[in-house]
C-alpha atoms as a PDB file:
ATOM      1  CA  MET A   1      -1.684 -46.666  48.284  1.00  0.00           C
ATOM      2  CA  ASP A   2       0.118 -48.082  45.264  1.00  0.00           C
ATOM      3  CA  TYR A   3       2.450 -50.986  46.126  1.00  0.00           C
ATOM      4  CA  THR A   4       5.246 -49.358  44.153  1.00  0.00           C
ATOM      5  CA  ASP A   5       4.960 -46.271  46.346  1.00  0.00           C
ATOM      6  CA  GLN A   6       5.090 -48.435  49.476  1.00  0.00           C
ATOM      7  CA  GLU A   7       8.126 -50.311  48.147  1.00  0.00           C
ATOM      8  CA  ASP A   8       9.814 -47.010  47.320  1.00  0.00           C
ATOM      9  CA  LEU A   9       9.035 -45.709  50.795  1.00  0.00           C
ATOM     10  CA  ASP A  10      10.384 -48.875  52.417  1.00  0.00           C
ATOM     11  CA  ARG A  11      13.558 -48.689  50.324  1.00  0.00           C
ATOM     12  CA  VAL A  12      14.119 -45.013  51.140  1.00  0.00           C
ATOM     13  CA  VAL A  13      13.563 -45.643  54.860  1.00  0.00           C
ATOM     14  CA  LEU A  14      15.937 -48.640  54.907  1.00  0.00           C
ATOM     15  CA  ASP A  15      18.580 -46.789  52.874  1.00  0.00           C
ATOM     16  CA  THR A  16      18.317 -43.760  55.133  1.00  0.00           C
ATOM     17  CA  GLU A  17      18.597 -45.873  58.288  1.00  0.00           C
ATOM     18  CA  ARG A  18      21.704 -47.604  56.894  1.00  0.00           C
ATOM     19  CA  GLN A  19      23.277 -44.285  55.918  1.00  0.00           C
ATOM     20  CA  MET A  20      22.578 -42.811  59.356  1.00  0.00           C
ATOM     21  CA  ARG A  21      24.147 -45.859  61.057  1.00  0.00           C
ATOM     22  CA  ASP A  22      27.215 -45.599  58.815  1.00  0.00           C
ATOM     23  CA  LEU A  23      27.506 -41.873  59.475  1.00  0.00           C
ATOM     24  CA  LEU A  24      27.146 -42.311  63.244  1.00  0.00           C
ATOM     25  CA  ASP A  25      29.813 -45.039  63.224  1.00  0.00           C
ATOM     26  CA  ALA A  26      32.147 -42.781  61.242  1.00  0.00           C
ATOM     27  CA  MET A  27      31.483 -39.875  63.598  1.00  0.00           C
ATOM     28  CA  LYS A  28      32.304 -42.054  66.616  1.00  0.00           C
ATOM     29  CA  GLY A  29      35.595 -42.907  64.930  1.00  0.00           C
ATOM     30  CA  LEU A  30      36.474 -39.221  64.637  1.00  0.00           C
ATOM     31  CA  SER A  31      37.296 -39.147  68.351  1.00  0.00           C
ATOM     32  CA  GLU A  32      40.158 -41.563  67.705  1.00  0.00           C
ATOM     33  CA  ILE A  33      41.767 -39.816  64.742  1.00  0.00           C
ATOM     34  CA  THR A  34      45.082 -38.093  65.314  1.00  0.00           C
ATOM     35  CA  GLY A  35      47.406 -36.328  62.910  1.00  0.00           C
ATOM     36  CA  VAL A  36      51.170 -36.415  62.484  1.00  0.00           C
ATOM     37  CA  GLY A  37      53.348 -34.043  60.526  1.00  0.00           C
ATOM     38  CA  GLU A  38      56.871 -32.794  60.236  1.00  0.00           C
ATOM     39  CA  SER A  39      58.572 -29.648  59.089  1.00  0.00           C
ATOM     40  CA  ARG A  40      59.961 -29.519  55.553  1.00  0.00           C
ATOM     41  CA  SER A  41      63.477 -30.050  56.822  1.00  0.00           C
ATOM     42  CA  GLY A  42      62.350 -32.984  58.980  1.00  0.00           C
ATOM     43  CA  LEU A  43      63.893 -31.426  62.082  1.00  0.00           C
ATOM     44  CA  VAL A  44      60.576 -31.113  63.940  1.00  0.00           C
ATOM     45  CA  THR A  45      57.731 -33.624  64.214  1.00  0.00           C
ATOM     46  CA  ALA A  46      54.331 -32.833  65.724  1.00  0.00           C
ATOM     47  CA  ARG A  47      51.252 -34.829  66.672  1.00  0.00           C
ATOM     48  CA  VAL A  48      47.741 -33.477  67.206  1.00  0.00           C
ATOM     49  CA  ASP A  49      44.868 -35.151  69.049  1.00  0.00           C
ATOM     50  CA  ALA A  50      41.354 -35.816  67.795  1.00  0.00           C
ATOM     51  CA  GLU A  51      40.423 -32.174  68.408  1.00  0.00           C
ATOM     52  CA  GLY A  52      43.397 -30.892  66.407  1.00  0.00           C
ATOM     53  CA  ARG A  53      45.257 -29.702  69.514  1.00  0.00           C
ATOM     54  CA  ILE A  54      48.991 -30.280  69.819  1.00  0.00           C
ATOM     55  CA  SER A  55      49.711 -33.397  71.865  1.00  0.00           C
ATOM     56  CA  ASP A  56      53.422 -33.833  71.127  1.00  0.00           C
ATOM     57  CA  VAL A  57      56.350 -32.034  69.514  1.00  0.00           C
ATOM     58  CA  THR A  58      59.698 -33.720  68.915  1.00  0.00           C
ATOM     59  CA  LEU A  59      62.822 -31.763  68.066  1.00  0.00           C
ATOM     60  CA  SER A  60      65.867 -33.392  66.506  1.00  0.00           C
ATOM     61  CA  GLY A  61      69.314 -32.593  67.847  1.00  0.00           C
ATOM     62  CA  ARG A  62      69.989 -30.407  64.821  1.00  0.00           C
ATOM     63  CA  ALA A  63      66.794 -28.426  65.534  1.00  0.00           C
ATOM     64  CA  MET A  64      68.240 -27.419  68.900  1.00  0.00           C
ATOM     65  CA  ARG A  65      71.042 -25.563  67.087  1.00  0.00           C
ATOM     66  CA  LEU A  66      68.642 -23.362  65.117  1.00  0.00           C
ATOM     67  CA  GLU A  67      68.079 -19.703  65.880  1.00  0.00           C
ATOM     68  CA  GLY A  68      64.836 -18.897  67.697  1.00  0.00           C
ATOM     69  CA  GLN A  69      62.976 -17.621  64.624  1.00  0.00           C
ATOM     70  CA  GLU A  70      64.046 -20.598  62.496  1.00  0.00           C
ATOM     71  CA  LEU A  71      63.028 -23.052  65.218  1.00  0.00           C
ATOM     72  CA  SER A  72      59.643 -21.333  65.550  1.00  0.00           C
ATOM     73  CA  GLN A  73      59.040 -21.682  61.815  1.00  0.00           C
ATOM     74  CA  GLU A  74      59.980 -25.374  61.938  1.00  0.00           C
ATOM     75  CA  VAL A  75      57.549 -25.992  64.801  1.00  0.00           C
ATOM     76  CA  VAL A  76      54.752 -24.119  63.029  1.00  0.00           C
ATOM     77  CA  GLU A  77      55.348 -26.134  59.826  1.00  0.00           C
ATOM     78  CA  ALA A  78      55.245 -29.425  61.721  1.00  0.00           C
ATOM     79  CA  VAL A  79      52.082 -28.510  63.627  1.00  0.00           C
ATOM     80  CA  ARG A  80      50.309 -27.315  60.478  1.00  0.00           C
ATOM     81  CA  ALA A  81      51.308 -30.528  58.692  1.00  0.00           C
ATOM     82  CA  ALA A  82      49.922 -32.569  61.615  1.00  0.00           C
ATOM     83  CA  GLN A  83      46.658 -30.599  61.569  1.00  0.00           C
ATOM     84  CA  GLU A  84      46.345 -31.091  57.790  1.00  0.00           C
ATOM     85  CA  ASP A  85      47.004 -34.822  58.268  1.00  0.00           C
ATOM     86  CA  HIS A  86      44.280 -34.937  60.931  1.00  0.00           C
ATOM     87  CA  GLU A  87      41.828 -33.134  58.652  1.00  0.00           C
ATOM     88  CA  ARG A  88      42.650 -35.461  55.729  1.00  0.00           C
ATOM     89  CA  ARG A  89      42.114 -38.540  57.907  1.00  0.00           C
ATOM     90  CA  ALA A  90      38.850 -37.171  59.316  1.00  0.00           C
ATOM     91  CA  ARG A  91      37.516 -36.421  55.839  1.00  0.00           C
ATOM     92  CA  GLY A  92      38.578 -39.869  54.710  1.00  0.00           C
ATOM     93  CA  SER A  93      36.708 -41.480  57.565  1.00  0.00           C
ATOM     94  CA  LEU A  94      33.526 -39.609  56.631  1.00  0.00           C
ATOM     95  CA  ALA A  95      33.984 -40.011  52.868  1.00  0.00           C
ATOM     96  CA  GLY A  96      32.446 -43.496  52.793  1.00  0.00           C
ATOM     97  CA  PRO A  97      29.133 -42.681  54.453  1.00  0.00           C
ATOM     98  CA  LEU A  98      28.834 -39.316  52.724  1.00  0.00           C
ATOM     99  CA  ALA A  99      30.024 -40.454  49.306  1.00  0.00           C
ATOM    100  CA  ASP A 100      26.989 -42.660  48.779  1.00  0.00           C
ATOM    101  CA  GLU A 101      24.985 -41.785  45.703  1.00  0.00           C
ATOM    102  CA  THR A 102      22.220 -40.476  47.951  1.00  0.00           C
ATOM    103  CA  SER A 103      23.357 -37.122  49.227  1.00  0.00           C
ATOM    104  CA  PRO A 104      21.790 -35.456  52.274  1.00  0.00           C
ATOM    105  CA  GLU A 105      20.095 -33.063  49.852  1.00  0.00           C
ATOM    106  CA  ALA A 106      18.657 -35.963  47.836  1.00  0.00           C
ATOM    107  CA  ILE A 107      17.413 -37.602  51.045  1.00  0.00           C
ATOM    108  CA  ARG A 108      15.734 -34.342  52.085  1.00  0.00           C
ATOM    109  CA  ARG A 109      14.056 -34.027  48.667  1.00  0.00           C
ATOM    110  CA  GLY A 110      12.941 -37.657  48.841  1.00  0.00           C
ATOM    111  CA  PHE A 111      11.338 -37.109  52.230  1.00  0.00           C
ATOM    112  CA  GLU A 112       9.634 -33.954  51.007  1.00  0.00           C
ATOM    113  CA  GLU A 113       8.224 -35.860  48.035  1.00  0.00           C
ATOM    114  CA  LEU A 114       7.016 -38.643  50.318  1.00  0.00           C
ATOM    115  CA  GLN A 115       5.475 -36.108  52.667  1.00  0.00           C
ATOM    116  CA  ASP A 116       3.678 -34.407  49.767  1.00  0.00           C
ATOM    117  CA  SER A 117       2.485 -37.772  48.455  1.00  0.00           C
ATOM    118  CA  TYR A 118       1.226 -38.754  51.920  1.00  0.00           C
ATOM    119  CA  ALA A 119      -0.588 -35.426  52.286  1.00  0.00           C
ATOM    120  CA  ARG A 120      -2.303 -35.891  48.889  1.00  0.00           C
ATOM    121  CA  GLU A 121      -3.312 -39.480  49.695  1.00  0.00           C
ATOM    122  CA  SER A 122      -4.583 -38.443  53.122  1.00  0.00           C
ATOM    123  CA  ALA A 123      -6.656 -35.674  51.584  1.00  0.00           C
ATOM    124  CA  ASP A 124      -8.121 -38.162  49.065  1.00  0.00           C
ATOM    125  CA  ARG A 125      -9.002 -40.594  51.876  1.00  0.00           C
ATOM    126  CA  ILE A 126     -10.646 -37.848  53.922  1.00  0.00           C
ATOM    127  CA  ASP A 127     -12.666 -36.766  50.889  1.00  0.00           C
ATOM    128  CA  ARG A 128     -13.828 -40.368  50.317  1.00  0.00           C
ATOM    129  CA  ILE A 129     -14.795 -40.718  54.000  1.00  0.00           C
ATOM    130  CA  ARG A 130     -16.752 -37.447  53.850  1.00  0.00           C
ATOM    131  CA  ARG A 131     -18.574 -38.514  50.698  1.00  0.00           C
ATOM    132  CA  VAL A 132     -19.515 -41.844  52.294  1.00  0.00           C
ATOM    133  CA  ALA A 133     -20.605 -40.082  55.485  1.00  0.00           C
ATOM    134  CA  TRP A 134     -22.852 -37.700  53.515  1.00  0.00           C
ATOM    135  CA  ASP A 135     -24.048 -40.257  51.021  1.00  0.00           C
ATOM    136  CA  PRO A 136     -23.676 -43.865  52.240  1.00  0.00           C
ATOM    137  CA  SER A 137     -24.724 -45.167  48.807  1.00  0.00           C
ATOM    138  CA  ALA A 138     -21.647 -43.562  47.177  1.00  0.00           C
END
């Protein structure tokens, strides 16, 4: 095996291990991300948990004087804003590990190339062993 190939393999393996650790750390952090949002008028504030489910809704005193339909719209706006905030934060937390110049697709291609290279080298070694076994003077 060429030393350059071995160095490339070592680098790819180390880079992949680092990326996987970073991604796993970011994914663990997802369970702590919440989102907060408020309606356009600011009369209703909502909070969602790490799963995007509503965990809190706060109504201002002025919100209590709204008609039912208007209050419903305010609540929906606040909850949607909180869910969008949660999604933005979650994407931001994963952006670092996934924004690396080596995309998952590039990693997959790299492994396929390494696998192909290994298969070719293995076939060459087997051929050499067979030749030696049939003709020890070779």
